[in-house]
Amino acid sequence: MAARSITQISLNGRFSVQSLSGVQRFATEITRALSEIWPTDLPQPELLTPRGPSFSSTPVDIGFPVRPCGYFQGQLWEQIDLPKAAGPGLLVNLGNTGPLILPARNSRQIVVIHDAGVFSTPKSYSRQFRVYYKILHRLLTIGKTRIVTVSNFARNDIASHLRIDPARISVITEGSEHATRIPADRTVLERHGLEAGKYVLAVGNMAPHKDFAALEHLAATLPERGIKLVISGGMNKRVFEADIPDLRQATYVGRVTDEELHALYSDAVCFVFPSIYEGFGLPPIEAMEAGCPVVARDIPVLHEICGQAARYGCRPTDLTLQVLEILDNPDVASTLCHAGRKQVNQYRWSIAAEKLLNIMREEFSAC
């Protein structure tokens, strides 16, 4: 199909053919939230996707018309097919990347860059991925690209590495209500021999910056109290360099469905998040949404997102002590659960979508 001549709004739907992780979750949920508040005075966006199966990992109603386009896949589709299909107007890219060349002089684009991980924690990423992202992000700051991110920490970190004014980067945050929107599927507990209230949960991939090795001390301590450490998550080897710690006493449940994750959060006695680098840190607020007390790594971005609704630890032994404090003191656990439910009220996809819509209005008016 030829590129259109009228000014329009398009969404980069490459996320729809990717495995569901934090970035794809963000893209799916904020697109859905945008569709629910979309105003009548702006043209309705189209979600442009590569040809082939879409939404295999994102089964929610996306809310906007979907148009498969182009002939390529992956980065070639994004750099060649996507801008041609988008035509003149505004292109919104929700997953860290976007085309370097836009189709018309009056075209503009928004790119959501979720963190500066390729700069700050380079060992977590494959060399090919790292080099591509570093070059792409630096070049995107040169043209008519509005950079958006998901936390004040990420804004400052991205600006520092890309050597741009932080004021050029807008912040919209994320949401957590998806964590409990669907019914919990507790067959995952039966399948892995888990009992409600008898396990501590950790969620994430095995990239080095997630630092699951910091849980070795916790994994060795919990069995003394009849508690298991449960780890959920997968690994995209094309993106991340695996760093799998020797947690022989942990129970690995692998990648699970949203319904199963809801059950794991809801029935855990505590959630622990040992990551040493995040752009936002979605799992802790998912846990709070499900009423699970949270222990997090003592890093700036998690203080920004979780506030006083979590306990923090720097060293592995600190994380263990904070978890044990929750296990031994029901009042502490109850206080954290209450604080967590209050904390997540500021993290709603509808709020993030309103902020993004305002940015889209500004950029579309400049087309």
Protein backbone atom coordinates (compact mmCIF):
# COMPACT_ATOMS: atom_id res chain seq x y z
CA MET A 1 0.00 0.00 0.00
CA ALA A 2 1.35 3.43 -0.93
CA ALA A 3 2.18 5.96 1.74
CA ARG A 4 -0.76 8.26 2.48
CA SER A 5 -0.67 11.96 1.67
CA ILE A 6 -2.85 13.25 4.52
CA THR A 7 -1.39 14.08 7.91
CA GLN A 8 -2.12 11.18 10.26
CA ILE A 9 -1.12 9.55 13.53
CA SER A 10 0.49 6.12 13.52
CA LEU A 11 1.68 3.81 16.28
CA ASN A 12 4.70 1.55 15.87
CA GLY A 13 3.25 -1.91 16.49
CA ARG A 14 6.49 -3.88 16.39
CA PHE A 15 5.91 -4.73 20.06
CA SER A 16 2.89 -6.81 19.04
CA VAL A 17 5.07 -9.55 17.52
CA GLN A 18 7.58 -9.66 20.38
CA SER A 19 7.56 -11.75 23.55
CA LEU A 20 5.83 -10.04 26.44
CA SER A 21 8.23 -8.39 28.88
CA GLY A 22 8.27 -5.00 30.61
CA VAL A 23 8.61 -2.88 27.46
CA GLN A 24 5.95 -4.83 25.55
CA ARG A 25 3.68 -4.66 28.58
CA PHE A 26 4.05 -0.89 28.65
CA ALA A 27 3.33 -0.58 24.92
CA THR A 28 0.28 -2.82 25.05
CA GLU A 29 -1.28 -1.28 28.13
CA ILE A 30 -0.71 2.36 27.22
CA THR A 31 -2.06 1.78 23.69
CA ARG A 32 -5.18 0.24 25.18
CA ALA A 33 -5.51 3.14 27.64
CA LEU A 34 -5.04 5.70 24.86
CA SER A 35 -7.87 4.12 22.87
CA GLU A 36 -10.21 4.55 25.84
CA ILE A 37 -9.59 8.31 26.14
CA TRP A 38 -8.95 9.18 22.49
CA PRO A 39 -10.48 12.59 21.61
CA THR A 40 -12.67 13.24 18.59
CA ASP A 41 -10.65 16.27 17.44
CA LEU A 42 -7.59 14.19 16.50
CA PRO A 43 -7.38 11.61 13.70
CA GLN A 44 -7.71 8.06 14.99
CA PRO A 45 -4.32 6.34 15.09
CA GLU A 46 -3.50 3.15 13.23
CA LEU A 47 -1.32 0.48 14.78
CA LEU A 48 1.17 -0.47 12.08
CA THR A 49 2.60 -3.98 12.43
CA PRO A 50 4.89 -6.30 10.48
CA ARG A 51 3.02 -8.84 8.37
CA GLY A 52 2.50 -12.20 10.03
CA PRO A 53 1.18 -13.34 13.41
CA SER A 54 0.61 -10.48 15.84
CA PHE A 55 -0.45 -10.25 19.47
CA SER A 56 0.57 -13.84 20.18
CA SER A 57 1.84 -12.63 23.57
CA THR A 58 -0.46 -9.62 24.00
CA PRO A 59 -4.03 -10.96 23.85
CA VAL A 60 -5.80 -7.80 25.05
CA ASP A 61 -8.04 -5.68 22.84
CA ILE A 62 -5.64 -3.02 21.60
CA GLY A 63 -8.44 -0.56 20.84
CA PHE A 64 -7.17 0.94 17.56
CA PRO A 65 -7.32 -0.34 13.97
CA VAL A 66 -4.39 -2.62 13.13
CA ARG A 67 -2.74 -2.45 9.69
CA PRO A 68 -0.07 -5.03 8.76
CA CYS A 69 2.41 -3.52 6.33
CA GLY A 70 5.76 -3.96 4.60
CA TYR A 71 7.88 -6.94 3.67
CA PHE A 72 10.63 -7.05 6.28
CA GLN A 73 10.76 -8.01 9.95
CA GLY A 74 12.58 -6.62 12.98
CA GLN A 75 14.91 -3.67 12.58
CA LEU A 76 14.63 -3.58 8.78
CA TRP A 77 10.85 -3.35 9.03
CA GLU A 78 11.17 -0.51 11.53
CA GLN A 79 13.70 1.46 9.49
CA ILE A 80 12.26 0.87 5.99
CA ASP A 81 8.66 -0.36 5.97
CA LEU A 82 7.32 1.51 8.99
CA PRO A 83 8.08 5.10 7.90
CA LYS A 84 6.76 4.38 4.40
CA ALA A 85 3.49 3.05 5.79
CA ALA A 86 3.17 5.86 8.33
CA GLY A 87 3.40 8.62 5.74
CA PRO A 88 3.26 12.33 6.70
CA GLY A 89 2.25 13.06 10.27
CA LEU A 90 3.10 11.81 13.74
CA LEU A 91 4.64 8.41 14.46
CA VAL A 92 4.63 7.17 18.05
CA ASN A 93 7.18 4.52 19.04
CA LEU A 94 6.60 2.95 22.46
CA GLY A 95 9.42 0.40 22.65
CA ASN A 96 12.84 2.10 22.79
CA THR A 97 13.43 2.35 19.03
CA GLY A 98 12.16 4.17 15.96
CA PRO A 99 13.13 5.00 12.37
CA LEU A 100 16.00 7.38 11.74
CA ILE A 101 14.51 8.80 8.54
CA LEU A 102 10.92 10.06 8.47
CA PRO A 103 8.87 10.07 5.25
CA ALA A 104 8.13 13.80 4.92
CA ARG A 105 9.53 17.16 5.94
CA ASN A 106 6.54 17.85 8.19
CA SER A 107 6.67 14.43 9.88
CA ARG A 108 7.54 14.11 13.54
CA GLN A 109 7.92 11.22 15.95
CA ILE A 110 7.90 10.31 19.62
CA VAL A 111 10.18 7.58 20.96
CA VAL A 112 9.76 6.18 24.47
CA ILE A 113 13.22 5.18 25.74
CA HIS A 114 12.70 3.19 28.90
CA ASP A 115 16.22 3.35 30.34
CA ALA A 116 19.90 3.79 29.56
CA GLY A 117 20.76 0.19 30.33
CA VAL A 118 23.03 -0.31 27.32
CA PHE A 119 25.22 2.47 28.72
CA SER A 120 24.83 1.93 32.46
CA THR A 121 24.86 -1.90 32.60
CA PRO A 122 26.46 -2.93 29.27
CA LYS A 123 27.36 -6.46 30.44
CA SER A 124 23.66 -7.28 30.62
CA TYR A 125 23.24 -7.05 26.84
CA SER A 126 24.59 -8.86 23.82
CA ARG A 127 27.25 -6.94 21.89
CA GLN A 128 25.10 -6.60 18.75
CA PHE A 129 22.13 -5.28 20.71
CA ARG A 130 24.30 -2.90 22.73
CA VAL A 131 26.06 -1.37 19.73
CA TYR A 132 22.81 -0.92 17.76
CA TYR A 133 20.99 0.76 20.64
CA LYS A 134 23.86 3.10 21.49
CA ILE A 135 24.15 4.32 17.90
CA LEU A 136 20.39 4.52 17.37
CA HIS A 137 19.65 6.48 20.54
CA ARG A 138 22.39 9.01 19.85
CA LEU A 139 21.17 9.56 16.29
CA LEU A 140 17.53 9.87 17.38
CA THR A 141 18.41 12.92 19.47
CA ILE A 142 19.56 14.79 16.35
CA GLY A 143 16.35 14.85 14.29
CA LYS A 144 12.70 15.70 14.93
CA THR A 145 12.29 13.14 17.67
CA ARG A 146 10.59 13.85 21.01
CA ILE A 147 12.12 11.63 23.69
CA VAL A 148 9.84 10.31 26.43
CA THR A 149 10.70 8.06 29.36
CA VAL A 150 9.10 6.50 32.43
CA SER A 151 10.80 7.96 35.53
CA ASN A 152 12.80 10.97 36.64
CA PHE A 153 15.76 8.68 37.27
CA ALA A 154 15.60 7.35 33.71
CA ARG A 155 15.33 10.89 32.32
CA ASN A 156 18.50 12.00 34.07
CA ASP A 157 20.40 8.81 33.22
CA ILE A 158 19.42 8.93 29.54
CA ALA A 159 20.25 12.64 29.30
CA SER A 160 23.65 12.07 30.89
CA HIS A 161 24.64 9.30 28.49
CA LEU A 162 23.20 10.95 25.38
CA ARG A 163 24.62 14.33 26.45
CA ILE A 164 21.38 16.24 26.09
CA ASP A 165 19.45 18.57 28.38
CA PRO A 166 17.11 16.55 30.66
CA ALA A 167 14.44 19.15 29.87
CA ARG A 168 14.24 17.63 26.37
CA ILE A 169 12.90 14.40 27.86
CA SER A 170 9.31 14.08 29.09
CA VAL A 171 8.26 11.66 31.85
CA ILE A 172 4.95 9.76 31.84
CA THR A 173 5.46 6.79 34.30
CA GLU A 174 3.62 3.44 34.02
CA GLY A 175 0.63 1.59 35.51
CA SER A 176 -0.07 -1.51 37.60
CA GLU A 177 -3.79 -2.28 37.38
CA HIS A 178 -3.22 -4.96 34.73
CA ALA A 179 -1.74 -7.18 37.46
CA THR A 180 -5.15 -7.90 38.98
CA ARG A 181 -7.46 -7.13 36.07
CA ILE A 182 -7.78 -10.81 35.14
CA PRO A 183 -8.76 -13.70 37.46
CA ALA A 184 -5.95 -15.49 39.29
CA ASP A 185 -5.08 -19.00 38.07
CA ARG A 186 -3.86 -20.94 41.10
CA THR A 187 -3.11 -24.12 39.20
CA VAL A 188 0.44 -22.75 38.92
CA LEU A 189 0.80 -23.27 42.69
CA GLU A 190 -0.44 -26.85 42.47
CA ARG A 191 1.83 -27.58 39.51
CA HIS A 192 4.95 -26.53 41.42
CA GLY A 193 3.99 -27.79 44.87
CA LEU A 194 3.54 -24.31 46.35
CA GLU A 195 1.34 -23.33 49.29
CA ALA A 196 -0.18 -19.88 49.75
CA GLY A 197 1.75 -17.85 52.32
CA LYS A 198 4.66 -20.29 52.25
CA TYR A 199 6.87 -18.73 49.61
CA VAL A 200 8.71 -15.52 48.77
CA LEU A 201 8.39 -14.44 45.13
CA ALA A 202 10.93 -12.86 42.77
CA VAL A 203 10.14 -11.91 39.16
CA GLY A 204 12.46 -10.99 36.29
CA ASN A 205 14.78 -12.26 33.58
CA MET A 206 18.25 -13.61 34.29
CA ALA A 207 20.21 -10.63 32.95
CA PRO A 208 23.16 -9.64 35.19
CA HIS A 209 21.62 -6.35 36.31
CA LYS A 210 18.64 -8.21 37.79
CA ASP A 211 21.21 -9.64 40.24
CA PHE A 212 19.42 -12.80 41.29
CA ALA A 213 22.76 -13.89 42.73
CA ALA A 214 21.96 -11.50 45.59
CA LEU A 215 19.22 -13.91 46.62
CA GLU A 216 21.57 -16.84 47.31
CA HIS A 217 21.71 -15.92 51.01
CA LEU A 218 17.91 -15.63 51.16
CA ALA A 219 17.44 -18.95 49.34
CA ALA A 220 19.69 -20.67 51.88
CA THR A 221 17.92 -19.07 54.86
CA LEU A 222 14.23 -19.53 54.02
CA PRO A 223 14.05 -23.36 54.24
CA GLU A 224 14.82 -23.11 57.97
CA ARG A 225 11.40 -21.47 58.30
CA GLY A 226 9.57 -23.77 55.92
CA ILE A 227 9.43 -21.05 53.25
CA LYS A 228 10.42 -21.41 49.59
CA LEU A 229 11.99 -18.87 47.24
CA VAL A 230 10.07 -18.86 43.94
CA ILE A 231 11.51 -17.24 40.80
CA SER A 232 9.41 -16.46 37.71
CA GLY A 233 10.68 -15.10 34.40
CA GLY A 234 12.29 -15.92 31.08
CA MET A 235 15.30 -14.86 29.04
CA ASN A 236 15.60 -13.38 25.54
CA LYS A 237 19.11 -14.51 24.57
CA ARG A 238 19.16 -12.23 21.51
CA VAL A 239 18.98 -9.23 23.84
CA PHE A 240 20.37 -10.19 27.22
CA GLU A 241 23.51 -11.94 28.37
CA ALA A 242 22.41 -14.62 30.82
CA ASP A 243 23.88 -14.67 34.32
CA ILE A 244 22.20 -17.58 36.02
CA PRO A 245 23.14 -17.86 39.71
CA ASP A 246 23.37 -21.15 41.56
CA LEU A 247 20.12 -20.99 43.51
CA ARG A 248 19.64 -24.71 43.99
CA GLN A 249 17.16 -24.22 46.81
CA ALA A 250 14.90 -21.94 44.76
CA THR A 251 11.86 -23.07 42.78
CA TYR A 252 11.93 -21.86 39.17
CA VAL A 253 8.50 -21.61 37.56
CA GLY A 254 9.72 -19.98 34.33
CA ARG A 255 7.55 -17.71 32.19
CA VAL A 256 3.93 -17.76 33.34
CA THR A 257 0.61 -16.38 32.10
CA ASP A 258 -0.86 -13.15 33.48
CA GLU A 259 -3.46 -15.19 35.35
CA GLU A 260 -0.76 -17.35 36.93
CA LEU A 261 1.36 -14.32 37.82
CA HIS A 262 -1.67 -12.76 39.53
CA ALA A 263 -1.94 -15.88 41.68
CA LEU A 264 1.78 -15.92 42.48
CA TYR A 265 1.72 -12.28 43.60
CA SER A 266 -1.47 -12.65 45.62
CA ASP A 267 -0.42 -15.77 47.52
CA ALA A 268 3.22 -14.85 48.22
CA VAL A 269 4.12 -13.91 51.77
CA CYS A 270 6.53 -11.32 50.36
CA PHE A 271 7.95 -10.08 47.05
CA VAL A 272 11.69 -9.40 46.70
CA PHE A 273 13.26 -7.38 43.88
CA PRO A 274 17.10 -7.47 43.89
CA SER A 275 17.70 -5.58 40.62
CA ILE A 276 20.58 -3.08 40.67
CA TYR A 277 19.33 -1.11 37.63
CA GLU A 278 15.87 -0.23 36.30
CA GLY A 279 14.30 2.52 34.26
CA PHE A 280 11.09 2.14 36.25
CA GLY A 281 10.73 -1.22 37.99
CA LEU A 282 7.29 -2.61 37.15
CA PRO A 283 7.22 -5.87 39.20
CA PRO A 284 7.28 -4.15 42.63
CA ILE A 285 4.16 -2.11 41.88
CA GLU A 286 2.49 -5.16 40.32
CA ALA A 287 3.11 -6.92 43.64
CA MET A 288 1.72 -3.95 45.57
CA GLU A 289 -1.36 -3.97 43.34
CA ALA A 290 -1.94 -7.59 44.36
CA GLY A 291 -1.54 -6.77 48.06
CA CYS A 292 1.91 -8.31 48.49
CA PRO A 293 4.52 -6.63 50.75
CA VAL A 294 7.68 -5.62 48.88
CA VAL A 295 11.40 -5.71 49.63
CA ALA A 296 13.46 -3.90 46.98
CA ARG A 297 17.07 -3.08 46.24
CA ASP A 298 18.20 0.22 47.71
CA ILE A 299 18.62 2.13 44.44
CA PRO A 300 17.31 5.63 43.55
CA VAL A 301 14.73 4.63 40.95
CA LEU A 302 13.01 2.14 43.26
CA HIS A 303 12.82 4.76 46.01
CA GLU A 304 11.23 7.08 43.43
CA ILE A 305 8.64 4.51 42.36
CA CYS A 306 7.95 2.61 45.59
CA GLY A 307 8.46 5.42 48.10
CA GLN A 308 7.74 4.47 51.72
CA ALA A 309 5.65 1.48 50.64
CA ALA A 310 8.62 -0.91 50.44
CA ARG A 311 11.52 -2.06 52.59
CA TYR A 312 15.00 -1.66 51.08
CA GLY A 313 18.34 -3.43 51.26
CA CYS A 314 21.76 -2.85 49.67
CA ARG A 315 23.63 -6.07 50.39
CA PRO A 316 22.29 -9.62 50.01
CA THR A 317 22.19 -10.00 53.79
CA ASP A 318 20.20 -6.75 54.05
CA LEU A 319 17.57 -8.11 51.65
CA THR A 320 17.35 -11.29 53.71
CA LEU A 321 16.92 -9.37 56.96
CA GLN A 322 14.14 -7.25 55.49
CA VAL A 323 12.30 -10.33 54.23
CA LEU A 324 12.65 -12.01 57.63
CA GLU A 325 11.29 -8.88 59.31
CA ILE A 326 8.13 -9.25 57.23
CA LEU A 327 7.88 -12.98 57.95
CA ASP A 328 8.29 -12.48 61.69
CA ASN A 329 6.05 -9.42 62.12
CA PRO A 330 2.50 -9.60 60.73
CA ASP A 331 1.99 -5.93 61.60
CA VAL A 332 4.92 -4.95 59.36
CA ALA A 333 3.50 -7.03 56.51
CA SER A 334 0.03 -5.51 56.98
CA THR A 335 1.41 -1.96 57.06
CA LEU A 336 3.38 -2.54 53.85
CA CYS A 337 0.35 -4.05 52.10
CA HIS A 338 -1.78 -1.03 53.01
CA ALA A 339 0.95 1.42 51.99
CA GLY A 340 1.48 -0.45 48.72
CA ARG A 341 -2.17 -0.28 47.71
CA LYS A 342 -2.10 3.46 48.38
CA GLN A 343 1.19 3.93 46.52
CA VAL A 344 -0.03 2.33 43.29
CA ASN A 345 -2.95 4.75 43.01
CA GLN A 346 -0.55 7.17 41.34
CA TYR A 347 0.47 4.52 38.79
CA ARG A 348 -2.46 4.04 36.46
CA TRP A 349 -2.31 3.46 32.73
CA SER A 350 -5.06 6.05 32.30
CA ILE A 351 -2.82 8.66 33.97
CA ALA A 352 0.16 7.70 31.81
CA ALA A 353 -2.04 7.78 28.70
CA GLU A 354 -3.29 11.31 29.50
CA LYS A 355 0.31 12.51 29.78
CA LEU A 356 1.29 10.83 26.53
CA LEU A 357 -1.80 12.22 24.77
CA ASN A 358 -0.80 15.76 25.75
CA ILE A 359 2.67 15.18 24.27
CA MET A 360 1.12 13.72 21.12
CA ARG A 361 -1.07 16.83 20.74
CA GLU A 362 1.99 19.08 20.94
CA GLU A 363 3.92 17.08 18.36
CA PHE A 364 0.95 16.61 16.00
CA SER A 365 0.29 20.35 15.98
CA ALA A 366 3.88 20.86 14.79
CA CYS A 367 3.46 18.52 11.80
